[in-house]
Amino acid sequence: MRLAILMLPLVVGCAKSREPVPEDVEGLSGYLFQHWEDPENLGSGMQNVADWLDTDGVPETLPDGYVLPDLTADEVMAVEYPDDPPLDTIIGVAVGAVSPYDILGHADLITWQDQTWNADSYDVYNRTIVSGDAAAFASGSGTISTENEIDKAGAFNVHIPYTLYKDYAWVELADGASAIVARSWTSERNCAENGNNCIDLSFSVDLFYGSEPGQTVRLTASWNKLTTVADGLITEDGMIGQMVSGVGDIMINTDAVLLEEGW
């Protein structure tokens, strides 16, 4: 994958020092989370993801998933999250798919208040847009920040209510294609009533890449640390498989809703 080159005007004085944009998908996932609030770095990072998707990424292989390295404290320093457990206890996967629907259809769904369509396990998924213009975002520009009140039923119908924070930004790439970059996180540990099942840490980066008219390549990088009564019974490979399957199901559900909406 080639490195995106930014042509910057000459200015008087010293330019701000910037770290190189990582070219591999493993590094780019954390990089995009870290630099979500910096349009220049966000754009160059997303350009490299687009280049990877068009070459080494090969969208047809994306549903199989990739295992990601741990997030670092520098990559998540811009958001509030629990100090315990440590970041190196989380498991990260990246999963993708090619959606036969335009990126504007995906943008429209992002602004919906009721997000329970994402998965049957969501009894509640209520989205509030706390900043940004929802109409402008759905039309293809700007940023929005959201707070999401969620009640998710897991195995044995165990419910874990929690608040998920999620930000979205439109990015224009060098070839004129459009993309959306999102990041999400939980700010505190959330447990079921019995205290035996908890969401300890959760972070994600979601990418929507309008690679061709009427088509969107999606990539989700997700890192989670859970405490459950099944700890010790499920292997790490088993947990990775569950995460890959869960992200894939959300992408399938998204396309089903877009079909119903006539996109």
Protein backbone atom coordinates (compact mmCIF):
# COMPACT_ATOMS: atom_id res chain seq x y z
CA MET A 1 0.00 0.00 0.00
CA ARG A 2 1.36 3.41 -0.86
CA LEU A 3 1.64 6.17 1.73
CA ALA A 4 -0.70 9.10 1.23
CA ILE A 5 1.28 12.27 0.43
CA LEU A 6 -0.08 15.59 1.64
CA MET A 7 0.92 18.73 -0.28
CA LEU A 8 1.07 21.54 2.28
CA PRO A 9 1.62 25.26 1.62
CA LEU A 10 4.81 26.87 2.91
CA VAL A 11 4.32 28.86 6.07
CA VAL A 12 6.54 31.09 8.13
CA GLY A 13 7.86 29.39 11.26
CA CYS A 14 8.03 25.74 12.27
CA ALA A 15 5.45 23.23 11.09
CA LYS A 16 3.84 20.96 13.64
CA SER A 17 5.69 17.66 13.90
CA ARG A 18 3.54 14.69 12.93
CA GLU A 19 4.14 11.00 13.35
CA PRO A 20 4.16 8.90 10.15
CA VAL A 21 0.80 7.42 9.21
CA PRO A 22 1.02 3.63 9.71
CA GLU A 23 0.38 1.74 6.51
CA ASP A 24 -0.78 -1.60 7.92
CA VAL A 25 -4.39 -2.13 8.97
CA GLU A 26 -3.33 -3.16 12.47
CA GLY A 27 -1.61 0.15 13.12
CA LEU A 28 -4.19 2.21 11.24
CA SER A 29 -7.08 1.06 13.43
CA GLY A 30 -5.58 2.48 16.61
CA TYR A 31 -4.23 5.50 14.71
CA LEU A 32 -7.70 6.46 13.50
CA PHE A 33 -9.10 6.18 17.04
CA GLN A 34 -6.32 8.37 18.37
CA HIS A 35 -6.59 11.06 15.66
CA TRP A 36 -10.36 11.21 15.18
CA GLU A 37 -10.42 14.89 16.24
CA ASP A 38 -7.59 15.87 13.86
CA PRO A 39 -9.05 16.19 10.33
CA GLU A 40 -5.65 16.13 8.61
CA ASN A 41 -4.40 12.96 10.28
CA LEU A 42 -7.84 11.37 10.08
CA GLY A 43 -7.97 11.99 6.34
CA SER A 44 -4.48 10.68 5.66
CA GLY A 45 -5.08 7.62 7.83
CA MET A 46 -8.36 6.85 6.08
CA GLN A 47 -6.63 7.29 2.70
CA ASN A 48 -4.19 4.55 3.67
CA VAL A 49 -7.04 2.28 4.73
CA ALA A 50 -8.73 2.89 1.37
CA ASP A 51 -5.48 2.04 -0.42
CA TRP A 52 -5.17 -1.15 1.64
CA LEU A 53 -8.77 -2.13 0.91
CA ASP A 54 -8.16 -1.64 -2.81
CA THR A 55 -5.02 -3.80 -2.79
CA ASP A 56 -3.90 -6.12 0.01
CA GLY A 57 -7.21 -5.94 1.85
CA VAL A 58 -9.15 -7.68 -0.94
CA PRO A 59 -12.72 -7.03 0.28
CA GLU A 60 -13.81 -10.61 -0.42
CA THR A 61 -11.59 -11.84 2.45
CA LEU A 62 -12.73 -9.27 4.99
CA PRO A 63 -15.59 -11.32 6.54
CA ASP A 64 -13.01 -13.87 7.78
CA GLY A 65 -11.65 -11.25 10.17
CA TYR A 66 -8.22 -10.23 11.40
CA VAL A 67 -6.79 -10.31 14.92
CA LEU A 68 -5.60 -6.88 16.08
CA PRO A 69 -2.83 -5.92 18.49
CA ASP A 70 -3.70 -4.29 21.81
CA LEU A 71 -4.64 -0.64 21.88
CA THR A 72 -2.11 1.60 23.61
CA ALA A 73 -2.72 4.26 26.23
CA ASP A 74 -1.65 6.92 23.71
CA GLU A 75 -4.23 5.73 21.19
CA VAL A 76 -7.17 6.08 23.62
CA MET A 77 -5.91 9.00 25.71
CA ALA A 78 -8.53 11.38 24.22
CA VAL A 79 -11.45 9.51 25.81
CA GLU A 80 -12.41 8.50 29.34
CA TYR A 81 -12.29 4.76 30.09
CA PRO A 82 -11.81 2.54 33.17
CA ASP A 83 -8.27 2.25 34.57
CA ASP A 84 -8.81 -1.40 35.42
CA PRO A 85 -8.49 -3.95 33.82
CA PRO A 86 -5.36 -2.96 31.84
CA LEU A 87 -5.57 -2.40 28.10
CA ASP A 88 -3.43 -5.42 27.32
CA THR A 89 -6.23 -7.72 28.51
CA ILE A 90 -8.57 -6.83 25.66
CA ILE A 91 -9.10 -8.82 22.48
CA GLY A 92 -9.23 -7.00 19.15
CA VAL A 93 -10.59 -8.10 15.78
CA ALA A 94 -11.20 -6.39 12.45
CA VAL A 95 -14.06 -7.56 10.23
CA GLY A 96 -15.27 -6.19 6.91
CA ALA A 97 -17.77 -6.67 4.14
CA VAL A 98 -18.86 -5.10 0.88
CA SER A 99 -22.33 -3.57 1.10
CA PRO A 100 -24.31 -3.19 -2.16
CA TYR A 101 -25.79 0.07 -0.86
CA ASP A 102 -24.63 3.65 -1.21
CA ILE A 103 -22.72 5.25 1.65
CA LEU A 104 -25.50 7.85 2.03
CA GLY A 105 -27.86 5.04 3.01
CA HIS A 106 -25.47 4.03 5.78
CA ALA A 107 -25.20 7.67 6.88
CA ASP A 108 -28.97 7.92 7.12
CA LEU A 109 -29.18 4.86 9.40
CA ILE A 110 -26.47 6.29 11.64
CA THR A 111 -28.73 9.24 12.53
CA TRP A 112 -31.71 7.09 13.59
CA GLN A 113 -32.71 7.32 17.24
CA ASP A 114 -33.75 3.64 17.47
CA GLN A 115 -30.73 1.46 16.68
CA THR A 116 -32.15 -1.87 17.91
CA TRP A 117 -32.13 -3.15 14.32
CA ASN A 118 -28.38 -3.76 14.71
CA ALA A 119 -29.00 -7.10 16.46
CA ASP A 120 -31.86 -9.15 17.91
CA SER A 121 -30.07 -9.13 21.28
CA TYR A 122 -30.64 -5.40 21.78
CA ASP A 123 -33.72 -4.80 23.90
CA VAL A 124 -32.81 -1.10 24.02
CA TYR A 125 -30.47 0.85 21.75
CA ASN A 126 -31.50 4.48 21.99
CA ARG A 127 -29.26 7.02 20.24
CA THR A 128 -29.10 10.71 21.14
CA ILE A 129 -27.10 13.06 18.91
CA VAL A 130 -25.43 15.40 21.40
CA SER A 131 -23.51 17.54 18.89
CA GLY A 132 -23.46 18.11 15.16
CA ASP A 133 -26.15 18.48 12.49
CA ALA A 134 -27.94 15.19 11.83
CA ALA A 135 -29.49 16.36 8.55
CA ALA A 136 -26.16 17.60 7.19
CA PHE A 137 -24.46 14.38 8.23
CA ALA A 138 -27.12 12.24 6.53
CA SER A 139 -26.58 14.32 3.39
CA GLY A 140 -22.84 13.68 3.34
CA SER A 141 -20.95 16.24 5.41
CA GLY A 142 -19.84 17.17 8.90
CA THR A 143 -19.51 15.27 12.16
CA ILE A 144 -21.86 14.08 14.87
CA SER A 145 -21.29 12.82 18.41
CA THR A 146 -23.76 10.43 19.99
CA GLU A 147 -24.63 8.90 23.35
CA ASN A 148 -26.30 5.49 23.20
CA GLU A 149 -28.29 3.88 26.01
CA ILE A 150 -28.14 0.14 25.44
CA ASP A 151 -29.58 -2.95 27.09
CA LYS A 152 -28.10 -6.04 25.52
CA ALA A 153 -29.15 -9.59 26.33
CA GLY A 154 -26.31 -12.12 26.28
CA ALA A 155 -26.14 -15.84 26.93
CA PHE A 156 -28.85 -17.22 29.24
CA ASN A 157 -30.73 -13.91 28.72
CA VAL A 158 -28.34 -12.00 31.01
CA HIS A 159 -28.85 -8.26 30.52
CA ILE A 160 -26.03 -5.72 30.73
CA PRO A 161 -27.25 -2.10 30.44
CA TYR A 162 -24.56 0.40 29.45
CA THR A 163 -23.83 3.74 27.80
CA LEU A 164 -21.82 3.77 24.59
CA TYR A 165 -20.27 6.96 23.24
CA LYS A 166 -19.82 7.08 19.47
CA ASP A 167 -18.53 9.82 17.15
CA TYR A 168 -18.78 9.94 13.35
CA ALA A 169 -16.95 12.12 10.79
CA TRP A 170 -17.11 12.42 7.00
CA VAL A 171 -13.75 12.33 5.19
CA GLU A 172 -13.07 13.11 1.52
CA LEU A 173 -10.28 11.07 -0.09
CA ALA A 174 -7.75 12.10 -2.72
CA ASP A 175 -9.72 10.55 -5.59
CA GLY A 176 -12.92 12.31 -4.54
CA ALA A 177 -14.44 9.23 -2.89
CA SER A 178 -16.20 9.71 0.43
CA ALA A 179 -15.72 7.87 3.69
CA ILE A 180 -17.07 7.89 7.24
CA VAL A 181 -14.79 7.23 10.21
CA ALA A 182 -16.34 6.44 13.59
CA ARG A 183 -14.95 5.66 17.03
CA SER A 184 -16.78 4.34 20.09
CA TRP A 185 -15.95 3.60 23.71
CA THR A 186 -17.45 2.96 27.14
CA SER A 187 -16.39 5.24 29.97
CA GLU A 188 -17.03 2.86 32.87
CA ARG A 189 -17.35 -0.81 33.74
CA ASN A 190 -20.93 -2.04 33.33
CA CYS A 191 -22.34 -5.21 34.90
CA ALA A 192 -25.53 -7.23 35.05
CA GLU A 193 -27.51 -7.14 38.30
CA ASN A 194 -25.75 -10.24 39.65
CA GLY A 195 -22.33 -8.67 39.04
CA ASN A 196 -21.03 -11.84 37.40
CA ASN A 197 -21.26 -10.61 33.80
CA CYS A 198 -19.63 -7.30 32.88
CA ILE A 199 -18.45 -5.19 29.97
CA ASP A 200 -15.08 -4.13 31.35
CA LEU A 201 -13.66 -2.27 28.36
CA SER A 202 -14.97 -1.60 24.87
CA PHE A 203 -13.54 0.40 21.96
CA SER A 204 -14.20 0.35 18.24
CA VAL A 205 -13.39 2.04 14.94
CA ASP A 206 -15.93 1.81 12.12
CA LEU A 207 -15.11 2.71 8.53
CA PHE A 208 -17.52 3.20 5.63
CA TYR A 209 -15.70 3.62 2.32
CA GLY A 210 -17.67 4.65 -0.77
CA SER A 211 -15.31 2.82 -3.11
CA GLU A 212 -17.71 2.82 -6.06
CA PRO A 213 -21.08 4.46 -6.76
CA GLY A 214 -23.83 2.46 -5.07
CA GLN A 215 -21.38 0.36 -3.06
CA THR A 216 -19.79 0.72 0.38
CA VAL A 217 -16.86 -1.23 1.78
CA ARG A 218 -17.17 -1.54 5.56
CA LEU A 219 -14.48 -2.32 8.10
CA THR A 220 -14.99 -2.53 11.87
CA ALA A 221 -12.15 -2.85 14.36
CA SER A 222 -13.45 -3.84 17.79
CA TRP A 223 -11.65 -4.35 21.10
CA ASN A 224 -13.47 -5.80 24.10
CA LYS A 225 -12.77 -7.15 27.56
CA LEU A 226 -15.70 -9.00 29.13
CA THR A 227 -16.16 -10.79 32.43
CA THR A 228 -18.67 -13.65 32.24
CA VAL A 229 -19.68 -16.78 34.11
CA ALA A 230 -18.24 -18.71 31.16
CA ASP A 231 -14.69 -17.43 31.74
CA GLY A 232 -12.33 -20.38 31.63
CA LEU A 233 -14.72 -22.43 29.50
CA ILE A 234 -14.31 -20.50 26.26
CA THR A 235 -10.88 -20.34 24.63
CA GLU A 236 -9.45 -17.12 23.23
CA ASP A 237 -10.00 -18.50 19.72
CA GLY A 238 -13.63 -19.09 20.68
CA MET A 239 -14.03 -15.50 21.88
CA ILE A 240 -12.43 -14.19 18.70
CA GLY A 241 -14.85 -16.28 16.66
CA GLN A 242 -17.81 -14.87 18.60
CA MET A 243 -16.61 -11.31 18.06
CA VAL A 244 -16.10 -11.83 14.33
CA SER A 245 -19.55 -13.41 14.03
CA GLY A 246 -21.21 -10.62 16.02
CA VAL A 247 -19.72 -7.84 13.87
CA GLY A 248 -20.61 -9.75 10.71
CA ASP A 249 -24.23 -10.11 11.85
CA ILE A 250 -24.51 -6.35 12.36
CA MET A 251 -23.31 -5.77 8.79
CA ILE A 252 -25.83 -8.28 7.45
CA ASN A 253 -28.63 -6.63 9.45
CA THR A 254 -27.59 -3.20 8.15
CA ASP A 255 -27.94 -4.31 4.54
CA ALA A 256 -31.32 -5.90 5.31
CA VAL A 257 -32.62 -2.59 6.69
CA LEU A 258 -31.23 -0.64 3.73
CA LEU A 259 -33.06 -3.05 1.41
CA GLU A 260 -36.32 -2.43 3.30
CA GLU A 261 -35.74 1.33 3.11
CA GLY A 262 -35.35 1.20 -0.66
CA TRP A 263 -31.70 2.15 -0.93
